[in-house]
Amino acid sequence: MPAVTSETIHDRVRRGRYVHSFHAERERQEAAISVAELEHALLGGEIIEEFRSDPRGVTYLVLGFAGQRPIHTWCTVQERTREIVLLAVL
């Protein structure tokens, strides 16, 4: 699989090629983060950490902002579909 960069994530979000895990959706709602805020944070976000030993494959911690509010999103890329899967929203 080609390297995943912040630009890869920006592109997938811009094209709507991402899905929320049940866990990430629950966290997003509990934190009162709107879908628009989450998308804004991901579109301007940067990968700040990469985890290669996760049993789900390589995962990424992305930091972005919705206004002044920092939003951390933990995600991975499905190999088959190349969609971004949001695993957690903090």
PDB file of N, CA and C in Angstrom:
ATOM      1  N   MET A   1       0.858  -1.179   0.000  1.00  0.00           N
ATOM      2  CA  MET A   1       0.000   0.000   0.000  1.00  0.00           C
ATOM      3  C   MET A   1       0.902   1.239   0.000  1.00  0.00           C
ATOM      4  N   PRO A   2       0.566   2.239  -0.817  1.00  0.00           N
ATOM      5  CA  PRO A   2       1.356   3.479  -0.833  1.00  0.00           C
ATOM      6  C   PRO A   2       1.328   4.160   0.532  1.00  0.00           C
ATOM      7  N   ALA A   3       2.339   4.967   0.781  1.00  0.00           N
ATOM      8  CA  ALA A   3       2.426   5.680   2.056  1.00  0.00           C
ATOM      9  C   ALA A   3       1.203   6.580   2.250  1.00  0.00           C
ATOM     10  N   VAL A   4       0.724   6.625   3.483  1.00  0.00           N
ATOM     11  CA  VAL A   4      -0.385   7.510   3.837  1.00  0.00           C
ATOM     12  C   VAL A   4       0.215   8.792   4.404  1.00  0.00           C
ATOM     13  N   THR A   5      -0.223   9.917   3.859  1.00  0.00           N
ATOM     14  CA  THR A   5       0.249  11.217   4.314  1.00  0.00           C
ATOM     15  C   THR A   5      -0.956  12.035   4.765  1.00  0.00           C
ATOM     16  N   SER A   6      -0.694  13.175   5.335  1.00  0.00           N
ATOM     17  CA  SER A   6      -1.784  14.086   5.693  1.00  0.00           C
ATOM     18  C   SER A   6      -2.602  14.430   4.455  1.00  0.00           C
ATOM     19  N   GLU A   7      -1.935  14.574   3.303  1.00  0.00           N
ATOM     20  CA  GLU A   7      -2.632  14.895   2.062  1.00  0.00           C
ATOM     21  C   GLU A   7      -3.555  13.764   1.630  1.00  0.00           C
ATOM     22  N   THR A   8      -3.170  12.518   1.905  1.00  0.00           N
ATOM     23  CA  THR A   8      -4.038  11.375   1.612  1.00  0.00           C
ATOM     24  C   THR A   8      -5.345  11.511   2.387  1.00  0.00           C
ATOM     25  N   ILE A   9      -5.231  11.851   3.657  1.00  0.00           N
ATOM     26  CA  ILE A   9      -6.413  12.011   4.502  1.00  0.00           C
ATOM     27  C   ILE A   9      -7.252  13.181   4.018  1.00  0.00           C
ATOM     28  N   HIS A  10      -6.623  14.299   3.699  1.00  0.00           N
ATOM     29  CA  HIS A  10      -7.354  15.467   3.182  1.00  0.00           C
ATOM     30  C   HIS A  10      -8.157  15.080   1.936  1.00  0.00           C
ATOM     31  N   ASP A  11      -7.508  14.372   1.019  1.00  0.00           N
ATOM     32  CA  ASP A  11      -8.156  13.977  -0.231  1.00  0.00           C
ATOM     33  C   ASP A  11      -9.363  13.086   0.020  1.00  0.00           C
ATOM     34  N   ARG A  12      -9.213  12.080   0.880  1.00  0.00           N
ATOM     35  CA  ARG A  12     -10.315  11.147   1.146  1.00  0.00           C
ATOM     36  C   ARG A  12     -11.489  11.866   1.816  1.00  0.00           C
ATOM     37  N   VAL A  13     -11.213  12.748   2.737  1.00  0.00           N
ATOM     38  CA  VAL A  13     -12.289  13.486   3.402  1.00  0.00           C
ATOM     39  C   VAL A  13     -12.976  14.404   2.406  1.00  0.00           C
ATOM     40  N   ARG A  14     -12.219  15.106   1.596  1.00  0.00           N
ATOM     41  CA  ARG A  14     -12.776  16.015   0.591  1.00  0.00           C
ATOM     42  C   ARG A  14     -13.711  15.265  -0.359  1.00  0.00           C
ATOM     43  N   ARG A  15     -13.368  14.010  -0.689  1.00  0.00           N
ATOM     44  CA  ARG A  15     -14.173  13.216  -1.611  1.00  0.00           C
ATOM     45  C   ARG A  15     -15.234  12.368  -0.898  1.00  0.00           C
ATOM     46  N   GLY A  16     -15.332  12.529   0.429  1.00  0.00           N
ATOM     47  CA  GLY A  16     -16.325  11.766   1.187  1.00  0.00           C
ATOM     48  C   GLY A  16     -15.989  10.296   1.307  1.00  0.00           C
ATOM     49  N   ARG A  17     -14.723   9.955   1.174  1.00  0.00           N
ATOM     50  CA  ARG A  17     -14.269   8.567   1.221  1.00  0.00           C
ATOM     51  C   ARG A  17     -13.770   8.221   2.617  1.00  0.00           C
ATOM     52  N   TYR A  18     -14.666   8.358   3.591  1.00  0.00           N
ATOM     53  CA  TYR A  18     -14.330   7.985   4.961  1.00  0.00           C
ATOM     54  C   TYR A  18     -15.585   7.499   5.660  1.00  0.00           C
ATOM     55  N   VAL A  19     -15.375   6.693   6.676  1.00  0.00           N
ATOM     56  CA  VAL A  19     -16.479   6.176   7.482  1.00  0.00           C
ATOM     57  C   VAL A  19     -16.100   6.302   8.948  1.00  0.00           C
ATOM     58  N   HIS A  20     -17.127   6.388   9.800  1.00  0.00           N
ATOM     59  CA  HIS A  20     -16.917   6.447  11.249  1.00  0.00           C
ATOM     60  C   HIS A  20     -17.141   5.051  11.812  1.00  0.00           C
ATOM     61  N   SER A  21     -16.265   4.604  12.680  1.00  0.00           N
ATOM     62  CA  SER A  21     -16.568   3.394  13.440  1.00  0.00           C
ATOM     63  C   SER A  21     -17.656   3.763  14.451  1.00  0.00           C
ATOM     64  N   PHE A  22     -18.330   2.769  14.986  1.00  0.00           N
ATOM     65  CA  PHE A  22     -19.339   3.026  16.010  1.00  0.00           C
ATOM     66  C   PHE A  22     -18.711   3.794  17.173  1.00  0.00           C
ATOM     67  N   HIS A  23     -17.527   3.372  17.577  1.00  0.00           N
ATOM     68  CA  HIS A  23     -16.817   3.994  18.697  1.00  0.00           C
ATOM     69  C   HIS A  23     -16.519   5.473  18.406  1.00  0.00           C
ATOM     70  N   ALA A  24     -16.005   5.759  17.212  1.00  0.00           N
ATOM     71  CA  ALA A  24     -15.670   7.147  16.856  1.00  0.00           C
ATOM     72  C   ALA A  24     -16.922   8.015  16.802  1.00  0.00           C
ATOM     73  N   GLU A  25     -18.010   7.462  16.276  1.00  0.00           N
ATOM     74  CA  GLU A  25     -19.251   8.236  16.188  1.00  0.00           C
ATOM     75  C   GLU A  25     -19.785   8.556  17.585  1.00  0.00           C
ATOM     76  N   ARG A  26     -19.721   7.584  18.473  1.00  0.00           N
ATOM     77  CA  ARG A  26     -20.167   7.815  19.851  1.00  0.00           C
ATOM     78  C   ARG A  26     -19.306   8.883  20.526  1.00  0.00           C
ATOM     79  N   GLU A  27     -17.996   8.812  20.344  1.00  0.00           N
ATOM     80  CA  GLU A  27     -17.108   9.815  20.935  1.00  0.00           C
ATOM     81  C   GLU A  27     -17.369  11.204  20.353  1.00  0.00           C
ATOM     82  N   ARG A  28     -17.606  11.271  19.049  1.00  0.00           N
ATOM     83  CA  ARG A  28     -17.881  12.554  18.407  1.00  0.00           C
ATOM     84  C   ARG A  28     -19.129  13.190  19.010  1.00  0.00           C
ATOM     85  N   GLN A  29     -20.160  12.397  19.166  1.00  0.00           N
ATOM     86  CA  GLN A  29     -21.405  12.910  19.730  1.00  0.00           C
ATOM     87  C   GLN A  29     -21.238  13.311  21.195  1.00  0.00           C
ATOM     88  N   GLU A  30     -20.544  12.492  21.974  1.00  0.00           N
ATOM     89  CA  GLU A  30     -20.324  12.801  23.393  1.00  0.00           C
ATOM     90  C   GLU A  30     -19.510  14.078  23.572  1.00  0.00           C
ATOM     91  N   ALA A  31     -18.591  14.339  22.654  1.00  0.00           N
ATOM     92  CA  ALA A  31     -17.753  15.541  22.731  1.00  0.00           C
ATOM     93  C   ALA A  31     -18.440  16.750  22.084  1.00  0.00           C
ATOM     94  N   ALA A  32     -19.655  16.553  21.584  1.00  0.00           N
ATOM     95  CA  ALA A  32     -20.419  17.625  20.927  1.00  0.00           C
ATOM     96  C   ALA A  32     -19.629  18.240  19.768  1.00  0.00           C
ATOM     97  N   ILE A  33     -19.029  17.372  18.957  1.00  0.00           N
ATOM     98  CA  ILE A  33     -18.309  17.798  17.757  1.00  0.00           C
ATOM     99  C   ILE A  33     -19.229  17.519  16.575  1.00  0.00           C
ATOM    100  N   SER A  34     -19.552  18.537  15.806  1.00  0.00           N
ATOM    101  CA  SER A  34     -20.414  18.331  14.644  1.00  0.00           C
ATOM    102  C   SER A  34     -19.616  17.645  13.531  1.00  0.00           C
ATOM    103  N   VAL A  35     -20.334  17.056  12.595  1.00  0.00           N
ATOM    104  CA  VAL A  35     -19.672  16.442  11.436  1.00  0.00           C
ATOM    105  C   VAL A  35     -18.884  17.508  10.673  1.00  0.00           C
ATOM    106  N   ALA A  36     -19.457  18.697  10.532  1.00  0.00           N
ATOM    107  CA  ALA A  36     -18.760  19.788   9.828  1.00  0.00           C
ATOM    108  C   ALA A  36     -17.460  20.156  10.550  1.00  0.00           C
ATOM    109  N   GLU A  37     -17.494  20.224  11.881  1.00  0.00           N
ATOM    110  CA  GLU A  37     -16.271  20.537  12.639  1.00  0.00           C
ATOM    111  C   GLU A  37     -15.224  19.444  12.454  1.00  0.00           C
ATOM    112  N   LEU A  38     -15.664  18.193  12.497  1.00  0.00           N
ATOM    113  CA  LEU A  38     -14.740  17.079  12.326  1.00  0.00           C
ATOM    114  C   LEU A  38     -14.112  17.121  10.936  1.00  0.00           C
ATOM    115  N   GLU A  39     -14.928  17.328   9.913  1.00  0.00           N
ATOM    116  CA  GLU A  39     -14.397  17.407   8.553  1.00  0.00           C
ATOM    117  C   GLU A  39     -13.423  18.575   8.411  1.00  0.00           C
ATOM    118  N   HIS A  40     -13.759  19.715   8.988  1.00  0.00           N
ATOM    119  CA  HIS A  40     -12.866  20.883   8.933  1.00  0.00           C
ATOM    120  C   HIS A  40     -11.520  20.546   9.576  1.00  0.00           C
ATOM    121  N   ALA A  41     -11.573  19.895  10.740  1.00  0.00           N
ATOM    122  CA  ALA A  41     -10.336  19.524  11.440  1.00  0.00           C
ATOM    123  C   ALA A  41      -9.515  18.534  10.620  1.00  0.00           C
ATOM    124  N   LEU A  42     -10.177  17.564   9.994  1.00  0.00           N
ATOM    125  CA  LEU A  42      -9.448  16.582   9.191  1.00  0.00           C
ATOM    126  C   LEU A  42      -8.877  17.200   7.916  1.00  0.00           C
ATOM    127  N   LEU A  43      -9.613  18.109   7.304  1.00  0.00           N
ATOM    128  CA  LEU A  43      -9.140  18.743   6.062  1.00  0.00           C
ATOM    129  C   LEU A  43      -7.903  19.606   6.289  1.00  0.00           C
ATOM    130  N   GLY A  44      -7.769  20.165   7.487  1.00  0.00           N
ATOM    131  CA  GLY A  44      -6.594  20.978   7.788  1.00  0.00           C
ATOM    132  C   GLY A  44      -5.623  20.284   8.714  1.00  0.00           C
ATOM    133  N   GLY A  45      -5.911  19.027   9.045  1.00  0.00           N
ATOM    134  CA  GLY A  45      -5.120  18.305  10.038  1.00  0.00           C
ATOM    135  C   GLY A  45      -3.809  17.760   9.507  1.00  0.00           C
ATOM    136  N   GLU A  46      -2.973  17.388  10.436  1.00  0.00           N
ATOM    137  CA  GLU A  46      -1.674  16.789  10.136  1.00  0.00           C
ATOM    138  C   GLU A  46      -1.512  15.512  10.948  1.00  0.00           C
ATOM    139  N   ILE A  47      -0.902  14.515  10.328  1.00  0.00           N
ATOM    140  CA  ILE A  47      -0.567  13.293  11.064  1.00  0.00           C
ATOM    141  C   ILE A  47       0.537  13.644  12.043  1.00  0.00           C
ATOM    142  N   ILE A  48       0.276  13.407  13.334  1.00  0.00           N
ATOM    143  CA  ILE A  48       1.293  13.725  14.332  1.00  0.00           C
ATOM    144  C   ILE A  48       1.938  12.470  14.915  1.00  0.00           C
ATOM    145  N   GLU A  49       1.308  11.313  14.663  1.00  0.00           N
ATOM    146  CA  GLU A  49       1.898  10.068  15.136  1.00  0.00           C
ATOM    147  C   GLU A  49       1.387   8.918  14.284  1.00  0.00           C
ATOM    148  N   GLU A  50       2.252   7.936  14.081  1.00  0.00           N
ATOM    149  CA  GLU A  50       1.926   6.742  13.308  1.00  0.00           C
ATOM    150  C   GLU A  50       2.179   5.535  14.196  1.00  0.00           C
ATOM    151  N   PHE A  51       1.225   4.591  14.201  1.00  0.00           N
ATOM    152  CA  PHE A  51       1.341   3.393  15.026  1.00  0.00           C
ATOM    153  C   PHE A  51       1.387   2.178  14.105  1.00  0.00           C
ATOM    154  N   ARG A  52       2.529   1.524  14.038  1.00  0.00           N
ATOM    155  CA  ARG A  52       2.703   0.386  13.135  1.00  0.00           C
ATOM    156  C   ARG A  52       2.374  -0.955  13.786  1.00  0.00           C
ATOM    157  N   SER A  53       2.233  -1.002  15.106  1.00  0.00           N
ATOM    158  CA  SER A  53       2.006  -2.280  15.777  1.00  0.00           C
ATOM    159  C   SER A  53       0.543  -2.527  16.145  1.00  0.00           C
ATOM    160  N   ASP A  54      -0.368  -1.712  15.647  1.00  0.00           N
ATOM    161  CA  ASP A  54      -1.792  -1.891  15.929  1.00  0.00           C
ATOM    162  C   ASP A  54      -2.288  -3.145  15.214  1.00  0.00           C
ATOM    163  N   PRO A  55      -3.075  -3.995  15.876  1.00  0.00           N
ATOM    164  CA  PRO A  55      -3.565  -5.217  15.225  1.00  0.00           C
ATOM    165  C   PRO A  55      -4.453  -4.950  14.003  1.00  0.00           C
ATOM    166  N   ARG A  56      -4.999  -3.743  13.872  1.00  0.00           N
ATOM    167  CA  ARG A  56      -5.839  -3.402  12.712  1.00  0.00           C
ATOM    168  C   ARG A  56      -5.008  -2.926  11.524  1.00  0.00           C
ATOM    169  N   GLY A  57      -3.720  -2.874  11.691  1.00  0.00           N
ATOM    170  CA  GLY A  57      -2.837  -2.342  10.649  1.00  0.00           C
ATOM    171  C   GLY A  57      -2.282  -1.009  11.116  1.00  0.00           C
ATOM    172  N   VAL A  58      -1.648  -0.303  10.231  1.00  0.00           N
ATOM    173  CA  VAL A  58      -1.065   0.994  10.584  1.00  0.00           C
ATOM    174  C   VAL A  58      -2.196   1.974  10.879  1.00  0.00           C
ATOM    175  N   THR A  59      -2.093   2.662  12.008  1.00  0.00           N
ATOM    176  CA  THR A  59      -3.078   3.682  12.374  1.00  0.00           C
ATOM    177  C   THR A  59      -2.356   5.011  12.562  1.00  0.00           C
ATOM    178  N   TYR A  60      -3.140   6.086  12.483  1.00  0.00           N
ATOM    179  CA  TYR A  60      -2.570   7.426  12.499  1.00  0.00           C
ATOM    180  C   TYR A  60      -3.338   8.311  13.465  1.00  0.00           C
ATOM    181  N   LEU A  61      -2.607   9.133  14.197  1.00  0.00           N
ATOM    182  CA  LEU A  61      -3.214  10.148  15.040  1.00  0.00           C
ATOM    183  C   LEU A  61      -3.101  11.465  14.294  1.00  0.00           C
ATOM    184  N   VAL A  62      -4.264  12.072  14.015  1.00  0.00           N
ATOM    185  CA  VAL A  62      -4.327  13.317  13.255  1.00  0.00           C
ATOM    186  C   VAL A  62      -4.785  14.434  14.179  1.00  0.00           C
ATOM    187  N   LEU A  63      -4.075  15.549  14.152  1.00  0.00           N
ATOM    188  CA  LEU A  63      -4.470  16.734  14.916  1.00  0.00           C
ATOM    189  C   LEU A  63      -4.922  17.799  13.934  1.00  0.00           C
ATOM    190  N   GLY A  64      -6.144  18.276  14.154  1.00  0.00           N
ATOM    191  CA  GLY A  64      -6.677  19.368  13.361  1.00  0.00           C
ATOM    192  C   GLY A  64      -7.461  20.293  14.274  1.00  0.00           C
ATOM    193  N   PHE A  65      -7.939  21.391  13.736  1.00  0.00           N
ATOM    194  CA  PHE A  65      -8.658  22.377  14.539  1.00  0.00           C
ATOM    195  C   PHE A  65      -9.975  22.740  13.876  1.00  0.00           C
ATOM    196  N   ALA A  66     -10.976  22.944  14.712  1.00  0.00           N
ATOM    197  CA  ALA A  66     -12.253  23.522  14.296  1.00  0.00           C
ATOM    198  C   ALA A  66     -12.303  24.859  15.022  1.00  0.00           C
ATOM    199  N   GLY A  67     -11.935  25.930  14.330  1.00  0.00           N
ATOM    200  CA  GLY A  67     -11.754  27.215  14.999  1.00  0.00           C
ATOM    201  C   GLY A  67     -10.552  27.088  15.915  1.00  0.00           C
ATOM    202  N   GLN A  68     -10.739  27.401  17.186  1.00  0.00           N
ATOM    203  CA  GLN A  68      -9.663  27.283  18.166  1.00  0.00           C
ATOM    204  C   GLN A  68      -9.642  25.916  18.850  1.00  0.00           C
ATOM    205  N   ARG A  69     -10.641  25.102  18.577  1.00  0.00           N
ATOM    206  CA  ARG A  69     -10.794  23.812  19.261  1.00  0.00           C
ATOM    207  C   ARG A  69      -9.944  22.724  18.607  1.00  0.00           C
ATOM    208  N   PRO A  70      -8.999  22.145  19.361  1.00  0.00           N
ATOM    209  CA  PRO A  70      -8.209  21.039  18.802  1.00  0.00           C
ATOM    210  C   PRO A  70      -9.046  19.761  18.776  1.00  0.00           C
ATOM    211  N   ILE A  71      -8.925  19.016  17.691  1.00  0.00           N
ATOM    212  CA  ILE A  71      -9.615  17.735  17.569  1.00  0.00           C
ATOM    213  C   ILE A  71      -8.589  16.701  17.133  1.00  0.00           C
ATOM    214  N   HIS A  72      -8.461  15.652  17.944  1.00  0.00           N
ATOM    215  CA  HIS A  72      -7.574  14.541  17.621  1.00  0.00           C
ATOM    216  C   HIS A  72      -8.426  13.408  17.063  1.00  0.00           C
ATOM    217  N   THR A  73      -8.004  12.847  15.949  1.00  0.00           N
ATOM    218  CA  THR A  73      -8.720  11.737  15.335  1.00  0.00           C
ATOM    219  C   THR A  73      -7.741  10.608  15.086  1.00  0.00           C
ATOM    220  N   TRP A  74      -8.118   9.426  15.514  1.00  0.00           N
ATOM    221  CA  TRP A  74      -7.305   8.239  15.305  1.00  0.00           C
ATOM    222  C   TRP A  74      -7.934   7.503  14.140  1.00  0.00           C
ATOM    223  N   CYS A  75      -7.156   7.187  13.108  1.00  0.00           N
ATOM    224  CA  CYS A  75      -7.754   6.582  11.922  1.00  0.00           C
ATOM    225  C   CYS A  75      -6.805   5.584  11.265  1.00  0.00           C
ATOM    226  N   THR A  76      -7.355   4.856  10.322  1.00  0.00           N
ATOM    227  CA  THR A  76      -6.586   3.924   9.509  1.00  0.00           C
ATOM    228  C   THR A  76      -7.122   4.006   8.089  1.00  0.00           C
ATOM    229  N   VAL A  77      -6.450   3.343   7.167  1.00  0.00           N
ATOM    230  CA  VAL A  77      -6.907   3.307   5.776  1.00  0.00           C
ATOM    231  C   VAL A  77      -7.167   1.851   5.414  1.00  0.00           C
ATOM    232  N   GLN A  78      -8.381   1.560   4.945  1.00  0.00           N
ATOM    233  CA  GLN A  78      -8.704   0.207   4.498  1.00  0.00           C
ATOM    234  C   GLN A  78      -7.924  -0.089   3.234  1.00  0.00           C
ATOM    235  N   GLU A  79      -7.239  -1.212   3.217  1.00  0.00           N
ATOM    236  CA  GLU A  79      -6.428  -1.544   2.040  1.00  0.00           C
ATOM    237  C   GLU A  79      -7.280  -1.756   0.799  1.00  0.00           C
ATOM    238  N   ARG A  80      -8.381  -2.474   0.932  1.00  0.00           N
ATOM    239  CA  ARG A  80      -9.192  -2.826  -0.234  1.00  0.00           C
ATOM    240  C   ARG A  80      -9.873  -1.613  -0.855  1.00  0.00           C
ATOM    241  N   THR A  81     -10.518  -0.780  -0.024  1.00  0.00           N
ATOM    242  CA  THR A  81     -11.301   0.349  -0.550  1.00  0.00           C
ATOM    243  C   THR A  81     -10.539   1.668  -0.543  1.00  0.00           C
ATOM    244  N   ARG A  82      -9.443   1.729   0.214  1.00  0.00           N
ATOM    245  CA  ARG A  82      -8.641   2.948   0.399  1.00  0.00           C
ATOM    246  C   ARG A  82      -9.422   4.047   1.118  1.00  0.00           C
ATOM    247  N   GLU A  83     -10.540   3.678   1.766  1.00  0.00           N
ATOM    248  CA  GLU A  83     -11.295   4.639   2.558  1.00  0.00           C
ATOM    249  C   GLU A  83     -10.611   4.852   3.901  1.00  0.00           C
ATOM    250  N   ILE A  84     -10.788   6.049   4.443  1.00  0.00           N
ATOM    251  CA  ILE A  84     -10.313   6.347   5.778  1.00  0.00           C
ATOM    252  C   ILE A  84     -11.371   5.817   6.757  1.00  0.00           C
ATOM    253  N   VAL A  85     -10.920   5.118   7.779  1.00  0.00           N
ATOM    254  CA  VAL A  85     -11.815   4.652   8.830  1.00  0.00           C
ATOM    255  C   VAL A  85     -11.454   5.414  10.091  1.00  0.00           C
ATOM    256  N   LEU A  86     -12.404   6.197  10.606  1.00  0.00           N
ATOM    257  CA  LEU A  86     -12.192   6.939  11.843  1.00  0.00           C
ATOM    258  C   LEU A  86     -12.442   5.989  13.003  1.00  0.00           C
ATOM    259  N   LEU A  87     -11.416   5.779  13.817  1.00  0.00           N
ATOM    260  CA  LEU A  87     -11.503   4.831  14.921  1.00  0.00           C
ATOM    261  C   LEU A  87     -11.864   5.515  16.237  1.00  0.00           C
ATOM    262  N   ALA A  88     -11.403   6.727  16.426  1.00  0.00           N
ATOM    263  CA  ALA A  88     -11.667   7.463  17.665  1.00  0.00           C
ATOM    264  C   ALA A  88     -11.569   8.953  17.394  1.00  0.00           C
ATOM    265  N   VAL A  89     -12.382   9.712  18.127  1.00  0.00           N
ATOM    266  CA  VAL A  89     -12.381  11.172  18.024  1.00  0.00           C
ATOM    267  C   VAL A  89     -12.238  11.710  19.446  1.00  0.00           C
ATOM    268  N   LEU A  90     -11.191  12.491  19.680  1.00  0.00           N
ATOM    269  CA  LEU A  90     -10.927  12.993  21.029  1.00  0.00           C
ATOM    270  C   LEU A  90     -10.871  14.487  21.049  1.00  0.00           C
TER     271      LEU A  90
END
